[in-house]
Amino acid sequence: MNTNVKRTVIVGATEKSGRYANLAAYSLLRHGHDIELIGLKEGQIEGHLIHTGHPALADIDTVTMYVGPQNQPPLYDYIKSLKPRRVIFNPGAENPEFERQLQAEGIEPIEGCTLVMLSVGTY
């Protein structure tokens, strides 16, 4: 397995083309990353199911957030339980309270844009 592959959970995944979470899914796949999708509505992107709720997942490197801070509190414990190396807060998802909680758990919060990080090679 390519050690540069980062298993990534997209929180806020959607089948709606043009939405940043959807664009990120395609870009992550194009860059060779494994994705898991969590959204409000079931669906699929390139054969990857969009899960609702809190699916059991393991070996997660990155969680990338596409939900606003007002909708994040019910996800705090679940995301921490995934024990990702980092959580990326895309523009509009920044959440200082949750970022502090993640740091306390040894998880790196990053305020950035997954799409930009992929395009410039810093993902």
PDB file of N, CA and C in Angstrom:
ATOM      1  N   MET A   1       0.843  -1.197   0.000  1.00  0.00           N
ATOM      2  CA  MET A   1       0.000   0.000   0.000  1.00  0.00           C
ATOM      3  C   MET A   1       0.875   1.243   0.000  1.00  0.00           C
ATOM      4  N   ASN A   2       0.508   2.212  -0.776  1.00  0.00           N
ATOM      5  CA  ASN A   2       1.233   3.476  -0.852  1.00  0.00           C
ATOM      6  C   ASN A   2       1.173   4.157   0.517  1.00  0.00           C
ATOM      7  N   THR A   3       2.316   4.421   1.111  1.00  0.00           N
ATOM      8  CA  THR A   3       2.342   5.030   2.445  1.00  0.00           C
ATOM      9  C   THR A   3       1.896   6.487   2.414  1.00  0.00           C
ATOM     10  N   ASN A   4       1.795   7.079   1.219  1.00  0.00           N
ATOM     11  CA  ASN A   4       1.316   8.452   1.125  1.00  0.00           C
ATOM     12  C   ASN A   4      -0.197   8.527   1.067  1.00  0.00           C
ATOM     13  N   VAL A   5      -0.857   7.364   0.994  1.00  0.00           N
ATOM     14  CA  VAL A   5      -2.318   7.339   0.969  1.00  0.00           C
ATOM     15  C   VAL A   5      -2.822   7.687   2.365  1.00  0.00           C
ATOM     16  N   LYS A   6      -3.712   8.650   2.413  1.00  0.00           N
ATOM     17  CA  LYS A   6      -4.265   9.074   3.697  1.00  0.00           C
ATOM     18  C   LYS A   6      -5.747   8.747   3.707  1.00  0.00           C
ATOM     19  N   ARG A   7      -6.152   7.786   4.551  1.00  0.00           N
ATOM     20  CA  ARG A   7      -7.563   7.416   4.656  1.00  0.00           C
ATOM     21  C   ARG A   7      -8.302   8.586   5.295  1.00  0.00           C
ATOM     22  N   THR A   8      -9.244   9.134   4.568  1.00  0.00           N
ATOM     23  CA  THR A   8      -9.881  10.394   4.927  1.00  0.00           C
ATOM     24  C   THR A   8     -11.387  10.240   5.062  1.00  0.00           C
ATOM     25  N   VAL A   9     -11.930  10.783   6.147  1.00  0.00           N
ATOM     26  CA  VAL A   9     -13.370  10.845   6.347  1.00  0.00           C
ATOM     27  C   VAL A   9     -13.822  12.251   5.963  1.00  0.00           C
ATOM     28  N   ILE A  10     -14.786  12.333   5.051  1.00  0.00           N
ATOM     29  CA  ILE A  10     -15.369  13.624   4.675  1.00  0.00           C
ATOM     30  C   ILE A  10     -16.672  13.767   5.450  1.00  0.00           C
ATOM     31  N   VAL A  11     -16.712  14.727   6.374  1.00  0.00           N
ATOM     32  CA  VAL A  11     -17.910  14.992   7.160  1.00  0.00           C
ATOM     33  C   VAL A  11     -18.671  16.119   6.471  1.00  0.00           C
ATOM     34  N   GLY A  12     -19.905  15.816   6.069  1.00  0.00           N
ATOM     35  CA  GLY A  12     -20.698  16.770   5.293  1.00  0.00           C
ATOM     36  C   GLY A  12     -20.751  16.371   3.829  1.00  0.00           C
ATOM     37  N   ALA A  13     -20.433  15.096   3.556  1.00  0.00           N
ATOM     38  CA  ALA A  13     -20.421  14.603   2.177  1.00  0.00           C
ATOM     39  C   ALA A  13     -21.807  14.724   1.547  1.00  0.00           C
ATOM     40  N   THR A  14     -21.811  14.983   0.253  1.00  0.00           N
ATOM     41  CA  THR A  14     -23.059  15.138  -0.486  1.00  0.00           C
ATOM     42  C   THR A  14     -22.860  14.721  -1.941  1.00  0.00           C
ATOM     43  N   GLU A  15     -23.934  14.224  -2.539  1.00  0.00           N
ATOM     44  CA  GLU A  15     -23.904  13.897  -3.971  1.00  0.00           C
ATOM     45  C   GLU A  15     -24.030  15.144  -4.833  1.00  0.00           C
ATOM     46  N   LYS A  16     -24.378  16.283  -4.238  1.00  0.00           N
ATOM     47  CA  LYS A  16     -24.614  17.508  -5.010  1.00  0.00           C
ATOM     48  C   LYS A  16     -23.307  18.012  -5.628  1.00  0.00           C
ATOM     49  N   SER A  17     -23.249  17.964  -6.952  1.00  0.00           N
ATOM     50  CA  SER A  17     -22.039  18.443  -7.626  1.00  0.00           C
ATOM     51  C   SER A  17     -21.915  19.946  -7.408  1.00  0.00           C
ATOM     52  N   GLY A  18     -20.696  20.406  -7.366  1.00  0.00           N
ATOM     53  CA  GLY A  18     -20.462  21.828  -7.138  1.00  0.00           C
ATOM     54  C   GLY A  18     -20.282  22.176  -5.679  1.00  0.00           C
ATOM     55  N   ARG A  19     -20.738  21.306  -4.767  1.00  0.00           N
ATOM     56  CA  ARG A  19     -20.501  21.552  -3.334  1.00  0.00           C
ATOM     57  C   ARG A  19     -19.048  21.171  -3.026  1.00  0.00           C
ATOM     58  N   TYR A  20     -18.428  21.916  -2.133  1.00  0.00           N
ATOM     59  CA  TYR A  20     -17.010  21.679  -1.862  1.00  0.00           C
ATOM     60  C   TYR A  20     -16.741  20.280  -1.325  1.00  0.00           C
ATOM     61  N   ALA A  21     -17.636  19.743  -0.503  1.00  0.00           N
ATOM     62  CA  ALA A  21     -17.431  18.387   0.017  1.00  0.00           C
ATOM     63  C   ALA A  21     -17.444  17.368  -1.119  1.00  0.00           C
ATOM     64  N   ASN A  22     -18.279  17.587  -2.121  1.00  0.00           N
ATOM     65  CA  ASN A  22     -18.340  16.696  -3.275  1.00  0.00           C
ATOM     66  C   ASN A  22     -17.064  16.828  -4.112  1.00  0.00           C
ATOM     67  N   LEU A  23     -16.643  18.053  -4.354  1.00  0.00           N
ATOM     68  CA  LEU A  23     -15.411  18.282  -5.109  1.00  0.00           C
ATOM     69  C   LEU A  23     -14.214  17.665  -4.395  1.00  0.00           C
ATOM     70  N   ALA A  24     -14.195  17.752  -3.065  1.00  0.00           N
ATOM     71  CA  ALA A  24     -13.096  17.179  -2.291  1.00  0.00           C
ATOM     72  C   ALA A  24     -13.055  15.663  -2.439  1.00  0.00           C
ATOM     73  N   ALA A  25     -14.218  15.023  -2.439  1.00  0.00           N
ATOM     74  CA  ALA A  25     -14.258  13.567  -2.596  1.00  0.00           C
ATOM     75  C   ALA A  25     -13.600  13.159  -3.911  1.00  0.00           C
ATOM     76  N   TYR A  26     -13.986  13.815  -4.993  1.00  0.00           N
ATOM     77  CA  TYR A  26     -13.406  13.486  -6.304  1.00  0.00           C
ATOM     78  C   TYR A  26     -11.911  13.791  -6.337  1.00  0.00           C
ATOM     79  N   SER A  27     -11.505  14.911  -5.745  1.00  0.00           N
ATOM     80  CA  SER A  27     -10.091  15.283  -5.747  1.00  0.00           C
ATOM     81  C   SER A  27      -9.266  14.305  -4.914  1.00  0.00           C
ATOM     82  N   LEU A  28      -9.789  13.902  -3.748  1.00  0.00           N
ATOM     83  CA  LEU A  28      -9.069  12.918  -2.925  1.00  0.00           C
ATOM     84  C   LEU A  28      -8.899  11.607  -3.683  1.00  0.00           C
ATOM     85  N   LEU A  29      -9.957  11.147  -4.341  1.00  0.00           N
ATOM     86  CA  LEU A  29      -9.864   9.908  -5.119  1.00  0.00           C
ATOM     87  C   LEU A  29      -8.857  10.058  -6.263  1.00  0.00           C
ATOM     88  N   ARG A  30      -8.902  11.197  -6.946  1.00  0.00           N
ATOM     89  CA  ARG A  30      -7.977  11.458  -8.056  1.00  0.00           C
ATOM     90  C   ARG A  30      -6.526  11.433  -7.573  1.00  0.00           C
ATOM     91  N   HIS A  31      -6.314  11.873  -6.332  1.00  0.00           N
ATOM     92  CA  HIS A  31      -4.961  11.888  -5.764  1.00  0.00           C
ATOM     93  C   HIS A  31      -4.601  10.556  -5.108  1.00  0.00           C
ATOM     94  N   GLY A  32      -5.471   9.551  -5.228  1.00  0.00           N
ATOM     95  CA  GLY A  32      -5.149   8.214  -4.754  1.00  0.00           C
ATOM     96  C   GLY A  32      -5.444   7.930  -3.296  1.00  0.00           C
ATOM     97  N   HIS A  33      -6.242   8.787  -2.644  1.00  0.00           N
ATOM     98  CA  HIS A  33      -6.563   8.579  -1.236  1.00  0.00           C
ATOM     99  C   HIS A  33      -7.830   7.732  -1.086  1.00  0.00           C
ATOM    100  N   ASP A  34      -7.914   7.021   0.011  1.00  0.00           N
ATOM    101  CA  ASP A  34      -9.084   6.217   0.355  1.00  0.00           C
ATOM    102  C   ASP A  34     -10.042   7.130   1.117  1.00  0.00           C
ATOM    103  N   ILE A  35     -11.338   7.080   0.773  1.00  0.00           N
ATOM    104  CA  ILE A  35     -12.288   7.973   1.436  1.00  0.00           C
ATOM    105  C   ILE A  35     -13.421   7.211   2.101  1.00  0.00           C
ATOM    106  N   GLU A  36     -13.920   7.803   3.178  1.00  0.00           N
ATOM    107  CA  GLU A  36     -15.151   7.397   3.839  1.00  0.00           C
ATOM    108  C   GLU A  36     -16.020   8.644   3.870  1.00  0.00           C
ATOM    109  N   LEU A  37     -17.324   8.465   3.687  1.00  0.00           N
ATOM    110  CA  LEU A  37     -18.214   9.609   3.543  1.00  0.00           C
ATOM    111  C   LEU A  37     -19.309   9.587   4.603  1.00  0.00           C
ATOM    112  N   ILE A  38     -19.507  10.725   5.255  1.00  0.00           N
ATOM    113  CA  ILE A  38     -20.577  10.875   6.236  1.00  0.00           C
ATOM    114  C   ILE A  38     -21.361  12.124   5.860  1.00  0.00           C
ATOM    115  N   GLY A  39     -22.677  11.970   5.746  1.00  0.00           N
ATOM    116  CA  GLY A  39     -23.507  13.103   5.359  1.00  0.00           C
ATOM    117  C   GLY A  39     -24.887  13.007   5.978  1.00  0.00           C
ATOM    118  N   LEU A  40     -25.726  13.969   5.653  1.00  0.00           N
ATOM    119  CA  LEU A  40     -27.090  13.985   6.171  1.00  0.00           C
ATOM    120  C   LEU A  40     -28.003  13.040   5.415  1.00  0.00           C
ATOM    121  N   LYS A  41     -27.697  12.826   4.126  1.00  0.00           N
ATOM    122  CA  LYS A  41     -28.524  11.949   3.299  1.00  0.00           C
ATOM    123  C   LYS A  41     -27.662  10.839   2.712  1.00  0.00           C
ATOM    124  N   GLU A  42     -28.217   9.622   2.704  1.00  0.00           N
ATOM    125  CA  GLU A  42     -27.503   8.514   2.089  1.00  0.00           C
ATOM    126  C   GLU A  42     -27.351   8.763   0.598  1.00  0.00           C
ATOM    127  N   GLY A  43     -26.332   8.189   0.026  1.00  0.00           N
ATOM    128  CA  GLY A  43     -26.076   8.314  -1.395  1.00  0.00           C
ATOM    129  C   GLY A  43     -24.749   7.650  -1.682  1.00  0.00           C
ATOM    130  N   GLN A  44     -24.137   8.040  -2.793  1.00  0.00           N
ATOM    131  CA  GLN A  44     -22.813   7.489  -3.106  1.00  0.00           C
ATOM    132  C   GLN A  44     -22.067   8.437  -4.027  1.00  0.00           C
ATOM    133  N   ILE A  45     -20.754   8.359  -3.947  1.00  0.00           N
ATOM    134  CA  ILE A  45     -19.863   9.114  -4.829  1.00  0.00           C
ATOM    135  C   ILE A  45     -18.843   8.117  -5.346  1.00  0.00           C
ATOM    136  N   GLU A  46     -18.852   7.896  -6.647  1.00  0.00           N
ATOM    137  CA  GLU A  46     -17.904   6.968  -7.275  1.00  0.00           C
ATOM    138  C   GLU A  46     -17.891   5.606  -6.574  1.00  0.00           C
ATOM    139  N   GLY A  47     -19.061   5.111  -6.210  1.00  0.00           N
ATOM    140  CA  GLY A  47     -19.155   3.799  -5.580  1.00  0.00           C
ATOM    141  C   GLY A  47     -18.905   3.790  -4.083  1.00  0.00           C
ATOM    142  N   HIS A  48     -18.571   4.921  -3.498  1.00  0.00           N
ATOM    143  CA  HIS A  48     -18.359   5.031  -2.049  1.00  0.00           C
ATOM    144  C   HIS A  48     -19.671   5.498  -1.423  1.00  0.00           C
ATOM    145  N   LEU A  49     -20.183   4.725  -0.469  1.00  0.00           N
ATOM    146  CA  LEU A  49     -21.457   5.065   0.163  1.00  0.00           C
ATOM    147  C   LEU A  49     -21.320   6.279   1.068  1.00  0.00           C
ATOM    148  N   ILE A  50     -22.341   7.129   1.059  1.00  0.00           N
ATOM    149  CA  ILE A  50     -22.433   8.216   2.037  1.00  0.00           C
ATOM    150  C   ILE A  50     -23.234   7.649   3.208  1.00  0.00           C
ATOM    151  N   HIS A  51     -22.570   7.551   4.356  1.00  0.00           N
ATOM    152  CA  HIS A  51     -23.201   7.023   5.563  1.00  0.00           C
ATOM    153  C   HIS A  51     -23.879   8.156   6.320  1.00  0.00           C
ATOM    154  N   THR A  52     -24.969   7.838   6.990  1.00  0.00           N
ATOM    155  CA  THR A  52     -25.558   8.763   7.942  1.00  0.00           C
ATOM    156  C   THR A  52     -25.248   8.202   9.325  1.00  0.00           C
ATOM    157  N   GLY A  53     -25.241   9.030  10.312  1.00  0.00           N
ATOM    158  CA  GLY A  53     -24.926   8.539  11.654  1.00  0.00           C
ATOM    159  C   GLY A  53     -23.434   8.417  11.866  1.00  0.00           C
ATOM    160  N   HIS A  54     -23.055   7.432  12.668  1.00  0.00           N
ATOM    161  CA  HIS A  54     -21.660   7.279  13.101  1.00  0.00           C
ATOM    162  C   HIS A  54     -21.155   5.871  12.778  1.00  0.00           C
ATOM    163  N   PRO A  55     -20.759   5.623  11.529  1.00  0.00           N
ATOM    164  CA  PRO A  55     -20.292   4.280  11.168  1.00  0.00           C
ATOM    165  C   PRO A  55     -18.985   3.926  11.879  1.00  0.00           C
ATOM    166  N   ALA A  56     -18.817   2.641  12.141  1.00  0.00           N
ATOM    167  CA  ALA A  56     -17.567   2.157  12.746  1.00  0.00           C
ATOM    168  C   ALA A  56     -16.474   2.200  11.680  1.00  0.00           C
ATOM    169  N   LEU A  57     -15.436   2.984  11.919  1.00  0.00           N
ATOM    170  CA  LEU A  57     -14.329   3.133  10.981  1.00  0.00           C
ATOM    171  C   LEU A  57     -13.019   2.974  11.732  1.00  0.00           C
ATOM    172  N   ALA A  58     -11.990   2.525  11.034  1.00  0.00           N
ATOM    173  CA  ALA A  58     -10.675   2.350  11.667  1.00  0.00           C
ATOM    174  C   ALA A  58      -9.592   2.862  10.718  1.00  0.00           C
ATOM    175  N   ASP A  59      -8.413   3.065  11.269  1.00  0.00           N
ATOM    176  CA  ASP A  59      -7.237   3.483  10.492  1.00  0.00           C
ATOM    177  C   ASP A  59      -7.476   4.779   9.725  1.00  0.00           C
ATOM    178  N   ILE A  60      -8.072   5.752  10.408  1.00  0.00           N
ATOM    179  CA  ILE A  60      -8.354   7.050   9.787  1.00  0.00           C
ATOM    180  C   ILE A  60      -7.169   7.983  10.023  1.00  0.00           C
ATOM    181  N   ASP A  61      -6.643   8.552   8.950  1.00  0.00           N
ATOM    182  CA  ASP A  61      -5.560   9.526   9.063  1.00  0.00           C
ATOM    183  C   ASP A  61      -6.120  10.931   9.249  1.00  0.00           C
ATOM    184  N   THR A  62      -7.119  11.272   8.433  1.00  0.00           N
ATOM    185  CA  THR A  62      -7.601  12.647   8.366  1.00  0.00           C
ATOM    186  C   THR A  62      -9.124  12.685   8.365  1.00  0.00           C
ATOM    187  N   VAL A  63      -9.676  13.652   9.090  1.00  0.00           N
ATOM    188  CA  VAL A  63     -11.092  13.988   8.980  1.00  0.00           C
ATOM    189  C   VAL A  63     -11.134  15.382   8.390  1.00  0.00           C
ATOM    190  N   THR A  64     -11.915  15.569   7.349  1.00  0.00           N
ATOM    191  CA  THR A  64     -12.050  16.909   6.758  1.00  0.00           C
ATOM    192  C   THR A  64     -13.499  17.356   6.926  1.00  0.00           C
ATOM    193  N   MET A  65     -13.664  18.513   7.574  1.00  0.00           N
ATOM    194  CA  MET A  65     -14.975  19.005   7.998  1.00  0.00           C
ATOM    195  C   MET A  65     -15.574  19.976   6.976  1.00  0.00           C
ATOM    196  N   TYR A  66     -16.793  19.647   6.555  1.00  0.00           N
ATOM    197  CA  TYR A  66     -17.565  20.532   5.682  1.00  0.00           C
ATOM    198  C   TYR A  66     -18.912  20.856   6.301  1.00  0.00           C
ATOM    199  N   VAL A  67     -18.990  20.847   7.630  1.00  0.00           N
ATOM    200  CA  VAL A  67     -20.210  21.269   8.322  1.00  0.00           C
ATOM    201  C   VAL A  67     -19.846  22.429   9.236  1.00  0.00           C
ATOM    202  N   GLY A  68     -20.755  23.358   9.363  1.00  0.00           N
ATOM    203  CA  GLY A  68     -20.513  24.550  10.163  1.00  0.00           C
ATOM    204  C   GLY A  68     -20.376  24.219  11.640  1.00  0.00           C
ATOM    205  N   PRO A  69     -19.737  25.111  12.401  1.00  0.00           N
ATOM    206  CA  PRO A  69     -19.497  24.858  13.819  1.00  0.00           C
ATOM    207  C   PRO A  69     -20.780  24.623  14.609  1.00  0.00           C
ATOM    208  N   GLN A  70     -21.886  25.226  14.185  1.00  0.00           N
ATOM    209  CA  GLN A  70     -23.148  25.064  14.913  1.00  0.00           C
ATOM    210  C   GLN A  70     -23.666  23.631  14.819  1.00  0.00           C
ATOM    211  N   ASN A  71     -23.231  22.876  13.797  1.00  0.00           N
ATOM    212  CA  ASN A  71     -23.685  21.495  13.611  1.00  0.00           C
ATOM    213  C   ASN A  71     -22.652  20.454  14.053  1.00  0.00           C
ATOM    214  N   GLN A  72     -21.544  20.902  14.602  1.00  0.00           N
ATOM    215  CA  GLN A  72     -20.472  19.978  14.966  1.00  0.00           C
ATOM    216  C   GLN A  72     -20.587  19.329  16.344  1.00  0.00           C
ATOM    217  N   PRO A  73     -21.180  19.976  17.377  1.00  0.00           N
ATOM    218  CA  PRO A  73     -21.156  19.373  18.714  1.00  0.00           C
ATOM    219  C   PRO A  73     -21.607  17.912  18.792  1.00  0.00           C
ATOM    220  N   PRO A  74     -22.657  17.475  18.082  1.00  0.00           N
ATOM    221  CA  PRO A  74     -23.029  16.057  18.164  1.00  0.00           C
ATOM    222  C   PRO A  74     -21.962  15.113  17.584  1.00  0.00           C
ATOM    223  N   LEU A  75     -20.998  15.679  16.861  1.00  0.00           N
ATOM    224  CA  LEU A  75     -19.955  14.866  16.228  1.00  0.00           C
ATOM    225  C   LEU A  75     -18.660  14.809  17.034  1.00  0.00           C
ATOM    226  N   TYR A  76     -18.526  15.658  18.051  1.00  0.00           N
ATOM    227  CA  TYR A  76     -17.254  15.760  18.785  1.00  0.00           C
ATOM    228  C   TYR A  76     -16.742  14.397  19.240  1.00  0.00           C
ATOM    229  N   ASP A  77     -17.537  13.675  20.015  1.00  0.00           N
ATOM    230  CA  ASP A  77     -17.062  12.411  20.592  1.00  0.00           C
ATOM    231  C   ASP A  77     -16.786  11.384  19.501  1.00  0.00           C
ATOM    232  N   TYR A  78     -17.648  11.356  18.497  1.00  0.00           N
ATOM    233  CA  TYR A  78     -17.459  10.398  17.404  1.00  0.00           C
ATOM    234  C   TYR A  78     -16.136  10.660  16.685  1.00  0.00           C
ATOM    235  N   ILE A  79     -15.884  11.902  16.320  1.00  0.00           N
ATOM    236  CA  ILE A  79     -14.649  12.217  15.589  1.00  0.00           C
ATOM    237  C   ILE A  79     -13.429  11.914  16.452  1.00  0.00           C
ATOM    238  N   LYS A  80     -13.486  12.265  17.729  1.00  0.00           N
ATOM    239  CA  LYS A  80     -12.353  11.947  18.609  1.00  0.00           C
ATOM    240  C   LYS A  80     -12.154  10.440  18.712  1.00  0.00           C
ATOM    241  N   SER A  81     -13.256   9.663  18.680  1.00  0.00           N
ATOM    242  CA  SER A  81     -13.152   8.198  18.790  1.00  0.00           C
ATOM    243  C   SER A  81     -12.480   7.573  17.572  1.00  0.00           C
ATOM    244  N   LEU A  82     -12.481   8.284  16.444  1.00  0.00           N
ATOM    245  CA  LEU A  82     -11.818   7.776  15.241  1.00  0.00           C
ATOM    246  C   LEU A  82     -10.296   7.857  15.367  1.00  0.00           C
ATOM    247  N   LYS A  83      -9.828   8.651  16.316  1.00  0.00           N
ATOM    248  CA  LYS A  83      -8.400   8.857  16.562  1.00  0.00           C
ATOM    249  C   LYS A  83      -7.620   9.219  15.284  1.00  0.00           C
ATOM    250  N   PRO A  84      -8.127  10.232  14.561  1.00  0.00           N
ATOM    251  CA  PRO A  84      -7.380  10.646  13.366  1.00  0.00           C
ATOM    252  C   PRO A  84      -6.099  11.369  13.771  1.00  0.00           C
ATOM    253  N   ARG A  85      -5.155  11.449  12.842  1.00  0.00           N
ATOM    254  CA  ARG A  85      -3.927  12.207  13.082  1.00  0.00           C
ATOM    255  C   ARG A  85      -4.236  13.702  13.074  1.00  0.00           C
ATOM    256  N   ARG A  86      -5.209  14.087  12.234  1.00  0.00           N
ATOM    257  CA  ARG A  86      -5.532  15.508  12.091  1.00  0.00           C
ATOM    258  C   ARG A  86      -6.983  15.680  11.660  1.00  0.00           C
ATOM    259  N   VAL A  87      -7.514  16.875  11.917  1.00  0.00           N
ATOM    260  CA  VAL A  87      -8.843  17.268  11.448  1.00  0.00           C
ATOM    261  C   VAL A  87      -8.672  18.587  10.711  1.00  0.00           C
ATOM    262  N   ILE A  88      -9.113  18.610   9.466  1.00  0.00           N
ATOM    263  CA  ILE A  88      -9.032  19.832   8.656  1.00  0.00           C
ATOM    264  C   ILE A  88     -10.380  20.549   8.738  1.00  0.00           C
ATOM    265  N   PHE A  89     -10.330  21.806   9.160  1.00  0.00           N
ATOM    266  CA  PHE A  89     -11.524  22.653   9.216  1.00  0.00           C
ATOM    267  C   PHE A  89     -11.501  23.533   7.972  1.00  0.00           C
ATOM    268  N   ASN A  90     -12.319  23.166   6.991  1.00  0.00           N
ATOM    269  CA  ASN A  90     -12.392  23.922   5.747  1.00  0.00           C
ATOM    270  C   ASN A  90     -13.046  25.274   6.009  1.00  0.00           C
ATOM    271  N   PRO A  91     -12.876  26.240   5.095  1.00  0.00           N
ATOM    272  CA  PRO A  91     -13.466  27.568   5.310  1.00  0.00           C
ATOM    273  C   PRO A  91     -14.960  27.481   5.645  1.00  0.00           C
ATOM    274  N   GLY A  92     -15.332  28.137   6.733  1.00  0.00           N
ATOM    275  CA  GLY A  92     -16.713  28.106   7.213  1.00  0.00           C
ATOM    276  C   GLY A  92     -16.958  27.048   8.271  1.00  0.00           C
ATOM    277  N   ALA A  93     -16.000  26.132   8.454  1.00  0.00           N
ATOM    278  CA  ALA A  93     -16.148  25.064   9.451  1.00  0.00           C
ATOM    279  C   ALA A  93     -15.269  25.305  10.680  1.00  0.00           C
ATOM    280  N   GLU A  94     -14.517  26.392  10.694  1.00  0.00           N
ATOM    281  CA  GLU A  94     -13.599  26.668  11.801  1.00  0.00           C
ATOM    282  C   GLU A  94     -14.370  26.654  13.121  1.00  0.00           C
ATOM    283  N   ASN A  95     -13.755  26.050  14.152  1.00  0.00           N
ATOM    284  CA  ASN A  95     -14.436  25.881  15.438  1.00  0.00           C
ATOM    285  C   ASN A  95     -13.392  25.833  16.558  1.00  0.00           C
ATOM    286  N   PRO A  96     -13.024  27.001  17.114  1.00  0.00           N
ATOM    287  CA  PRO A  96     -11.974  27.048  18.136  1.00  0.00           C
ATOM    288  C   PRO A  96     -12.240  26.122  19.332  1.00  0.00           C
ATOM    289  N   GLU A  97     -13.495  26.008  19.754  1.00  0.00           N
ATOM    290  CA  GLU A  97     -13.813  25.125  20.891  1.00  0.00           C
ATOM    291  C   GLU A  97     -13.432  23.679  20.581  1.00  0.00           C
ATOM    292  N   PHE A  98     -13.855  23.171  19.431  1.00  0.00           N
ATOM    293  CA  PHE A  98     -13.559  21.791  19.055  1.00  0.00           C
ATOM    294  C   PHE A  98     -12.069  21.623  18.773  1.00  0.00           C
ATOM    295  N   GLU A  99     -11.453  22.635  18.180  1.00  0.00           N
ATOM    296  CA  GLU A  99     -10.016  22.567  17.899  1.00  0.00           C
ATOM    297  C   GLU A  99      -9.222  22.401  19.195  1.00  0.00           C
ATOM    298  N   ARG A 100      -9.626  23.099  20.256  1.00  0.00           N
ATOM    299  CA  ARG A 100      -8.949  22.945  21.559  1.00  0.00           C
ATOM    300  C   ARG A 100      -9.138  21.531  22.102  1.00  0.00           C
ATOM    301  N   GLN A 101     -10.352  20.980  21.966  1.00  0.00           N
ATOM    302  CA  GLN A 101     -10.613  19.609  22.429  1.00  0.00           C
ATOM    303  C   GLN A 101      -9.734  18.608  21.676  1.00  0.00           C
ATOM    304  N   LEU A 102      -9.603  18.800  20.374  1.00  0.00           N
ATOM    305  CA  LEU A 102      -8.785  17.889  19.572  1.00  0.00           C
ATOM    306  C   LEU A 102      -7.326  17.952  20.007  1.00  0.00           C
ATOM    307  N   GLN A 103      -6.823  19.169  20.213  1.00  0.00           N
ATOM    308  CA  GLN A 103      -5.435  19.323  20.652  1.00  0.00           C
ATOM    309  C   GLN A 103      -5.201  18.606  21.974  1.00  0.00           C
ATOM    310  N   ALA A 104      -6.164  18.690  22.884  1.00  0.00           N
ATOM    311  CA  ALA A 104      -6.050  18.015  24.184  1.00  0.00           C
ATOM    312  C   ALA A 104      -5.981  16.497  24.019  1.00  0.00           C
ATOM    313  N   GLU A 105      -6.520  15.987  22.907  1.00  0.00           N
ATOM    314  CA  GLU A 105      -6.502  14.543  22.626  1.00  0.00           C
ATOM    315  C   GLU A 105      -5.295  14.150  21.778  1.00  0.00           C
ATOM    316  N   GLY A 106      -4.439  15.122  21.455  1.00  0.00           N
ATOM    317  CA  GLY A 106      -3.270  14.834  20.634  1.00  0.00           C
ATOM    318  C   GLY A 106      -3.574  14.759  19.146  1.00  0.00           C
ATOM    319  N   ILE A 107      -4.696  15.347  18.738  1.00  0.00           N
ATOM    320  CA  ILE A 107      -5.101  15.376  17.327  1.00  0.00           C
ATOM    321  C   ILE A 107      -4.852  16.780  16.797  1.00  0.00           C
ATOM    322  N   GLU A 108      -4.184  16.874  15.658  1.00  0.00           N
ATOM    323  CA  GLU A 108      -3.822  18.181  15.112  1.00  0.00           C
ATOM    324  C   GLU A 108      -4.998  18.819  14.372  1.00  0.00           C
ATOM    325  N   PRO A 109      -5.483  19.989  14.843  1.00  0.00           N
ATOM    326  CA  PRO A 109      -6.489  20.713  14.064  1.00  0.00           C
ATOM    327  C   PRO A 109      -5.790  21.609  13.047  1.00  0.00           C
ATOM    328  N   ILE A 110      -6.338  21.651  11.845  1.00  0.00           N
ATOM    329  CA  ILE A 110      -5.775  22.497  10.791  1.00  0.00           C
ATOM    330  C   ILE A 110      -6.908  23.325  10.200  1.00  0.00           C
ATOM    331  N   GLU A 111      -6.750  24.644  10.212  1.00  0.00           N
ATOM    332  CA  GLU A 111      -7.690  25.501   9.499  1.00  0.00           C
ATOM    333  C   GLU A 111      -7.116  25.679   8.109  1.00  0.00           C
ATOM    334  N   GLY A 112      -7.751  25.042   7.143  1.00  0.00           N
ATOM    335  CA  GLY A 112      -7.236  25.076   5.783  1.00  0.00           C
ATOM    336  C   GLY A 112      -8.295  24.593   4.826  1.00  0.00           C
ATOM    337  N   CYS A 113      -7.908  24.437   3.588  1.00  0.00           N
ATOM    338  CA  CYS A 113      -8.828  23.985   2.549  1.00  0.00           C
ATOM    339  C   CYS A 113      -8.267  22.718   1.930  1.00  0.00           C
ATOM    340  N   THR A 114      -9.018  21.635   2.070  1.00  0.00           N
ATOM    341  CA  THR A 114      -8.584  20.349   1.527  1.00  0.00           C
ATOM    342  C   THR A 114      -8.261  20.457   0.040  1.00  0.00           C
ATOM    343  N   LEU A 115      -9.114  21.148  -0.719  1.00  0.00           N
ATOM    344  CA  LEU A 115      -8.888  21.263  -2.163  1.00  0.00           C
ATOM    345  C   LEU A 115      -7.580  21.988  -2.478  1.00  0.00           C
ATOM    346  N   VAL A 116      -7.299  23.059  -1.745  1.00  0.00           N
ATOM    347  CA  VAL A 116      -6.051  23.802  -1.971  1.00  0.00           C
ATOM    348  C   VAL A 116      -4.858  22.947  -1.549  1.00  0.00           C
ATOM    349  N   MET A 117      -4.972  22.286  -0.386  1.00  0.00           N
ATOM    350  CA  MET A 117      -3.877  21.449   0.102  1.00  0.00           C
ATOM    351  C   MET A 117      -3.535  20.358  -0.925  1.00  0.00           C
ATOM    352  N   LEU A 118      -4.558  19.748  -1.508  1.00  0.00           N
ATOM    353  CA  LEU A 118      -4.316  18.717  -2.535  1.00  0.00           C
ATOM    354  C   LEU A 118      -3.652  19.320  -3.769  1.00  0.00           C
ATOM    355  N   SER A 119      -4.140  20.504  -4.180  1.00  0.00           N
ATOM    356  CA  SER A 119      -3.640  21.082  -5.432  1.00  0.00           C
ATOM    357  C   SER A 119      -2.201  21.575  -5.306  1.00  0.00           C
ATOM    358  N   VAL A 120      -1.778  21.969  -4.101  1.00  0.00           N
ATOM    359  CA  VAL A 120      -0.406  22.478  -3.946  1.00  0.00           C
ATOM    360  C   VAL A 120       0.540  21.447  -3.333  1.00  0.00           C
ATOM    361  N   GLY A 121       0.023  20.231  -3.074  1.00  0.00           N
ATOM    362  CA  GLY A 121       0.875  19.154  -2.593  1.00  0.00           C
ATOM    363  C   GLY A 121       1.178  19.166  -1.108  1.00  0.00           C
ATOM    364  N   THR A 122       0.365  19.863  -0.296  1.00  0.00           N
ATOM    365  CA  THR A 122       0.614  19.900   1.141  1.00  0.00           C
ATOM    366  C   THR A 122      -0.356  18.999   1.914  1.00  0.00           C
ATOM    367  N   TYR A 123      -1.180  18.222   1.211  1.00  0.00           N
ATOM    368  CA  TYR A 123      -2.153  17.368   1.887  1.00  0.00           C
ATOM    369  C   TYR A 123      -1.428  16.246   2.614  1.00  0.00           C
TER     370      TYR A 123
END
